[in-house]
């Protein structure tokens, strides 16, 4: 347990260094962290798939990763779409040209890896630059990480009734309730930091510093959205557990002592990030930010 706790503290420290220091110097510096997660997460999925008998077509995935940053920098979401189209076309061309080497299952698994995690990771970049900025990133991290933490401790302390035993034997209903409590607490912390006290208003490159001036609007919006995000976080965790179960592995990797691999840490974030993107994109359109 001490390894898990020490690793968690180190990961939080690294994330805060990128978000509260490097990002204030230049917004795109935070992309280094997201890009590292995307590349390593993709590698872990390819490696785990190989152990389970899936020979992923690595070249289209590599092309997506290499082309992502310039295409996103110049074209944002349009660039991501172009990158996906380019990678899919290349993948299908290679499947035809190397039809004796790769099976249909190999190709389908490669498409799966392209979207989970590579395309889903694009949400981190879009939040950073366009949809919520620092506020959006903090909301994503606090709600997701606290829901995970409270789910873990509630499950350890009170977990008796199993939740989706055939997907993950360790999940309990107490953990589910703990996740919602943690998500609400995480949302409240972000509400206090941004909408109430506006702690980061003098930081460089903050972007959006609050959602609404009126707290009677902000409070229900923050808390209701936290319930949605927590639900997605739970399903993200379950999805990762199911993938690992199907692949016959305990963890996606070993890079983080006590936590497994990058994908073991991204599981919930990958499901919540698109919702945060959508929320702040709609917010920008309605409020006119």
Protein backbone atom coordinates (compact mmCIF):
# COMPACT_ATOMS: atom_id res chain seq x y z
CA UNK A 1 0.00 0.00 0.00
CA UNK A 2 2.87 2.40 0.76
CA UNK A 3 4.12 2.02 -2.82
CA UNK A 4 0.67 2.86 -4.14
CA UNK A 5 0.38 5.94 -1.92
CA UNK A 6 3.90 7.16 -2.75
CA UNK A 7 3.26 6.74 -6.47
CA UNK A 8 -0.05 8.59 -6.18
CA UNK A 9 1.64 11.53 -4.44
CA UNK A 10 4.37 11.61 -7.09
CA UNK A 11 1.83 11.55 -9.95
CA UNK A 12 -0.20 14.35 -8.39
CA UNK A 13 2.99 16.37 -7.92
CA UNK A 14 3.99 15.91 -11.56
CA UNK A 15 0.50 16.87 -12.75
CA UNK A 16 0.47 20.03 -10.62
CA UNK A 17 3.96 20.96 -11.84
CA UNK A 18 2.78 20.82 -15.44
CA UNK A 19 -0.54 22.57 -14.81
CA UNK A 20 0.41 25.23 -12.27
CA UNK A 21 3.95 26.03 -13.41
CA UNK A 22 4.79 24.98 -16.97
CA UNK A 23 1.31 25.77 -18.27
CA UNK A 24 1.49 29.31 -16.87
CA UNK A 25 4.62 29.88 -18.97
CA UNK A 26 3.13 28.48 -22.17
CA UNK A 27 -0.15 26.59 -22.49
CA UNK A 28 1.24 23.97 -24.88
CA UNK A 29 3.86 22.86 -22.33
CA UNK A 30 1.10 20.95 -20.53
CA UNK A 31 0.62 18.99 -23.75
CA UNK A 32 3.92 17.22 -23.07
CA UNK A 33 2.30 15.35 -20.19
CA UNK A 34 -0.80 14.47 -22.19
CA UNK A 35 1.28 13.35 -25.17
CA UNK A 36 3.41 11.09 -22.98
CA UNK A 37 0.27 9.48 -21.57
CA UNK A 38 -1.16 9.00 -25.07
CA UNK A 39 1.96 7.39 -26.52
CA UNK A 40 2.73 5.13 -23.55
CA UNK A 41 -0.94 4.17 -23.21
CA UNK A 42 -1.06 3.20 -26.87
CA UNK A 43 2.11 1.16 -26.50
CA UNK A 44 0.67 -0.66 -23.49
CA UNK A 45 -2.46 -1.58 -25.43
CA UNK A 46 -0.40 -2.92 -28.35
CA UNK A 47 1.77 -4.95 -25.97
CA UNK A 48 -1.16 -6.36 -24.00
CA UNK A 49 -2.94 -7.23 -27.24
CA UNK A 50 0.10 -9.12 -28.48
CA UNK A 51 0.06 -11.25 -25.33
CA UNK A 52 -3.57 -12.09 -26.05
CA UNK A 53 -2.84 -13.03 -29.67
CA UNK A 54 -3.65 -9.75 -31.44
CA UNK A 55 -0.90 -8.57 -33.80
CA UNK A 56 -1.72 -4.87 -34.03
CA UNK A 57 -0.75 -2.93 -37.16
CA UNK A 58 1.64 -0.56 -35.42
CA UNK A 59 2.51 1.74 -38.36
CA UNK A 60 -0.90 3.52 -38.60
CA UNK A 61 -0.86 3.99 -34.83
CA UNK A 62 2.63 5.47 -35.00
CA UNK A 63 1.57 7.78 -37.84
CA UNK A 64 -1.38 8.99 -35.76
CA UNK A 65 0.90 9.73 -32.80
CA UNK A 66 3.55 11.52 -34.88
CA UNK A 67 1.06 13.61 -36.85
CA UNK A 68 -1.16 14.47 -33.89
CA UNK A 69 0.66 17.46 -32.38
CA UNK A 70 1.18 19.48 -35.61
CA UNK A 71 -2.33 18.73 -36.88
CA UNK A 72 -3.92 19.64 -33.54
CA UNK A 73 -1.79 22.77 -33.21
CA UNK A 74 -2.89 24.15 -36.57
CA UNK A 75 -6.41 22.73 -36.98
CA UNK A 76 -7.62 21.65 -33.50
CA UNK A 77 -10.54 19.18 -33.78
CA UNK A 78 -10.43 19.23 -37.57
CA UNK A 79 -6.80 18.18 -37.30
CA UNK A 80 -7.74 15.27 -35.03
CA UNK A 81 -10.37 14.15 -37.54
CA UNK A 82 -7.83 14.35 -40.39
CA UNK A 83 -5.36 12.35 -38.32
CA UNK A 84 -7.95 9.64 -37.64
CA UNK A 85 -8.95 9.44 -41.31
CA UNK A 86 -5.31 9.23 -42.43
CA UNK A 87 -4.56 6.49 -39.92
CA UNK A 88 -7.67 4.47 -40.79
CA UNK A 89 -6.94 4.64 -44.51
CA UNK A 90 -3.33 3.59 -43.95
CA UNK A 91 -4.48 0.77 -41.68
CA UNK A 92 -6.88 -0.62 -44.29
CA UNK A 93 -4.29 -0.29 -47.07
CA UNK A 94 -1.76 -2.23 -44.99
CA UNK A 95 -4.39 -4.85 -44.20
CA UNK A 96 -4.85 -5.40 -47.94
CA UNK A 97 -1.15 -5.35 -48.82
CA UNK A 98 -0.17 -7.59 -45.90
CA UNK A 99 -3.28 -9.77 -45.85
CA UNK A 100 -1.22 -12.90 -45.24
CA UNK A 101 0.38 -11.39 -42.13
CA UNK A 102 -2.56 -9.72 -40.42
CA UNK A 103 -5.99 -11.19 -39.70
CA UNK A 104 -9.29 -9.33 -39.57
CA UNK A 105 -9.15 -9.54 -35.77
CA UNK A 106 -5.70 -7.91 -35.85
CA UNK A 107 -7.12 -5.05 -37.91
CA UNK A 108 -10.17 -4.61 -35.70
CA UNK A 109 -7.98 -4.58 -32.60
CA UNK A 110 -5.76 -1.93 -34.22
CA UNK A 111 -8.84 0.23 -34.79
CA UNK A 112 -9.82 -0.34 -31.16
CA UNK A 113 -6.38 0.87 -29.98
CA UNK A 114 -6.60 3.87 -32.31
CA UNK A 115 -9.69 5.04 -30.46
CA UNK A 116 -8.90 3.60 -27.01
CA UNK A 117 -6.74 5.34 -25.92
CA UNK A 118 -5.27 7.44 -28.76
CA UNK A 119 -8.31 9.36 -30.01
CA UNK A 120 -9.86 9.67 -26.54
CA UNK A 121 -6.61 11.26 -25.32
CA UNK A 122 -7.25 14.13 -27.76
CA UNK A 123 -9.83 15.35 -25.22
CA UNK A 124 -7.03 16.33 -22.82
CA UNK A 125 -5.46 18.61 -25.42
CA UNK A 126 -8.79 20.18 -26.38
CA UNK A 127 -9.70 20.92 -22.77
CA UNK A 128 -6.29 22.52 -22.24
CA UNK A 129 -6.57 24.84 -25.25
CA UNK A 130 -10.26 25.35 -25.98
CA UNK A 131 -12.78 23.78 -23.60
CA UNK A 132 -12.45 24.92 -20.01
CA UNK A 133 -8.69 25.51 -19.93
CA UNK A 134 -7.22 25.20 -16.43
CA UNK A 135 -10.69 25.06 -14.87
CA UNK A 136 -11.65 22.19 -17.16
CA UNK A 137 -8.45 20.29 -16.41
CA UNK A 138 -8.87 20.76 -12.67
CA UNK A 139 -12.49 19.64 -12.86
CA UNK A 140 -11.50 16.55 -14.83
CA UNK A 141 -8.71 15.64 -12.41
CA UNK A 142 -10.40 16.42 -9.09
CA UNK A 143 -13.73 14.78 -9.86
CA UNK A 144 -12.18 11.69 -11.43
CA UNK A 145 -9.31 11.14 -9.01
CA UNK A 146 -11.38 11.75 -5.88
CA UNK A 147 -14.16 9.49 -7.12
CA UNK A 148 -11.56 6.76 -7.71
CA UNK A 149 -9.97 7.32 -4.29
CA UNK A 150 -13.26 7.35 -2.39
CA UNK A 151 -14.44 4.28 -4.29
CA UNK A 152 -11.29 2.44 -3.26
CA UNK A 153 -11.50 3.32 0.43
CA UNK A 154 -15.28 2.87 0.68
CA UNK A 155 -14.93 -0.53 -0.93
CA UNK A 156 -12.14 -1.53 1.45
CA UNK A 157 -14.01 -0.35 4.55
CA UNK A 158 -17.62 -1.20 3.77
CA UNK A 159 -17.61 -3.34 0.65
CA UNK A 160 -19.71 -6.48 0.98
CA UNK A 161 -22.22 -6.56 -1.88
CA UNK A 162 -20.43 -7.10 -5.17
CA UNK A 163 -21.00 -4.85 -8.17
CA UNK A 164 -20.64 -6.49 -11.62
CA UNK A 165 -18.71 -9.45 -10.28
CA UNK A 166 -18.20 -10.92 -13.75
CA UNK A 167 -16.39 -7.75 -14.87
CA UNK A 168 -14.32 -6.94 -11.80
CA UNK A 169 -14.45 -9.11 -8.66
CA UNK A 170 -13.19 -6.28 -6.43
CA UNK A 171 -15.93 -3.77 -7.29
CA UNK A 172 -18.65 -3.29 -4.65
CA UNK A 173 -21.77 -1.19 -4.24
CA UNK A 174 -20.09 0.61 -1.34
CA UNK A 175 -17.35 1.59 -3.77
CA UNK A 176 -19.95 2.96 -6.19
CA UNK A 177 -21.53 5.12 -3.47
CA UNK A 178 -18.07 6.23 -2.37
CA UNK A 179 -17.26 7.21 -5.95
CA UNK A 180 -20.26 9.54 -6.11
CA UNK A 181 -19.32 11.10 -2.77
CA UNK A 182 -15.76 11.64 -3.98
CA UNK A 183 -16.96 13.13 -7.26
CA UNK A 184 -19.19 15.62 -5.44
CA UNK A 185 -16.34 16.58 -3.09
CA UNK A 186 -13.97 17.02 -6.03
CA UNK A 187 -16.51 19.20 -7.82
CA UNK A 188 -17.00 21.29 -4.67
CA UNK A 189 -13.24 21.86 -4.36
CA UNK A 190 -13.06 23.15 -7.95
CA UNK A 191 -16.12 25.33 -7.31
CA UNK A 192 -14.37 26.89 -4.32
CA UNK A 193 -11.05 27.35 -6.14
CA UNK A 194 -12.53 28.99 -9.23
CA UNK A 195 -16.05 30.36 -8.78
CA UNK A 196 -15.87 31.33 -5.10
CA UNK A 197 -12.31 32.37 -4.27
CA UNK A 198 -10.89 32.62 -7.82
CA UNK A 199 -7.52 31.47 -6.58
CA UNK A 200 -5.91 31.35 -10.03
CA UNK A 201 -7.17 34.63 -11.48
CA UNK A 202 -3.66 36.15 -11.45
CA UNK A 203 -1.93 33.09 -12.91
CA UNK A 204 -0.67 33.24 -16.47
CA UNK A 205 -2.63 31.54 -19.26
CA UNK A 206 -5.47 30.51 -16.94
CA UNK A 207 -8.22 31.03 -19.49
CA UNK A 208 -11.66 30.55 -17.97
CA UNK A 209 -11.58 31.60 -14.30
CA UNK A 210 -15.18 30.77 -13.33
CA UNK A 211 -18.33 29.33 -14.86
CA UNK A 212 -20.89 31.82 -13.54
CA UNK A 213 -20.78 34.91 -11.36
CA UNK A 214 -23.95 33.82 -9.58
CA UNK A 215 -23.28 30.98 -7.13
CA UNK A 216 -26.93 29.92 -7.14
CA UNK A 217 -26.31 28.91 -10.76
CA UNK A 218 -22.75 27.58 -10.36
CA UNK A 219 -23.45 25.26 -7.42
CA UNK A 220 -26.16 23.09 -9.04
CA UNK A 221 -24.30 23.05 -12.37
CA UNK A 222 -21.06 21.89 -10.75
CA UNK A 223 -22.75 19.24 -8.62
CA UNK A 224 -25.10 17.86 -11.28
CA UNK A 225 -22.25 17.61 -13.78
CA UNK A 226 -20.21 15.81 -11.12
CA UNK A 227 -22.85 13.07 -10.97
CA UNK A 228 -22.60 12.55 -14.73
CA UNK A 229 -18.79 12.59 -14.68
CA UNK A 230 -18.67 10.13 -11.78
CA UNK A 231 -20.99 7.76 -13.65
CA UNK A 232 -18.67 7.92 -16.67
CA UNK A 233 -15.64 7.41 -14.41
CA UNK A 234 -17.21 4.23 -13.01
CA UNK A 235 -17.87 2.90 -16.51
CA UNK A 236 -14.37 3.87 -17.59
CA UNK A 237 -12.97 1.83 -14.74
CA UNK A 238 -15.25 -1.09 -15.60
CA UNK A 239 -14.30 -0.91 -19.28
CA UNK A 240 -10.60 -1.14 -18.42
CA UNK A 241 -11.29 -4.05 -16.06
CA UNK A 242 -13.22 -5.86 -18.78
CA UNK A 243 -10.45 -5.32 -21.34
CA UNK A 244 -7.85 -6.67 -18.92
CA UNK A 245 -10.09 -9.62 -18.09
CA UNK A 246 -10.53 -10.44 -21.78
CA UNK A 247 -6.77 -10.09 -22.35
CA UNK A 248 -5.92 -12.24 -19.35
CA UNK A 249 -3.75 -9.64 -17.58
CA UNK A 250 -3.90 -8.04 -14.14
CA UNK A 251 -2.50 -4.64 -15.18
CA UNK A 252 -1.76 -2.89 -18.45
CA UNK A 253 1.83 -2.22 -17.39
CA UNK A 254 4.26 -1.80 -14.52
CA UNK A 255 5.52 1.76 -14.96
CA UNK A 256 3.77 3.00 -11.80
CA UNK A 257 4.54 0.89 -8.69
CA UNK A 258 1.33 -0.12 -6.96
CA UNK A 259 -0.82 1.27 -9.78
CA UNK A 260 0.17 -0.70 -12.87
CA UNK A 261 0.58 1.08 -16.19
CA UNK A 262 -0.49 4.37 -17.72
CA UNK A 263 -3.75 2.84 -18.94
CA UNK A 264 -4.53 1.73 -15.39
CA UNK A 265 -4.45 5.42 -14.39
CA UNK A 266 -6.19 6.74 -17.50
CA UNK A 267 -9.15 4.35 -17.40
CA UNK A 268 -11.66 6.71 -15.78
CA UNK A 269 -10.13 9.89 -17.22
CA UNK A 270 -10.59 8.63 -20.80
CA UNK A 271 -14.36 8.38 -20.30
CA UNK A 272 -14.79 11.64 -18.38
CA UNK A 273 -12.61 13.88 -20.58
CA UNK A 274 -14.95 13.84 -23.64
CA UNK A 275 -17.86 14.86 -21.38
CA UNK A 276 -15.82 17.77 -20.01
CA UNK A 277 -14.98 18.75 -23.60
CA UNK A 278 -18.64 18.68 -24.60
CA UNK A 279 -19.78 20.59 -21.51
CA UNK A 280 -17.35 23.47 -21.98
CA UNK A 281 -17.84 23.55 -25.75
CA UNK A 282 -21.58 24.03 -25.19
CA UNK A 283 -20.80 26.52 -22.41
CA UNK A 284 -18.56 28.55 -24.75
CA UNK A 285 -21.28 28.58 -27.39
CA UNK A 286 -24.06 29.61 -24.99
CA UNK A 287 -22.17 32.09 -22.83
CA UNK A 288 -20.06 33.35 -25.70
CA UNK A 289 -16.61 32.88 -24.15
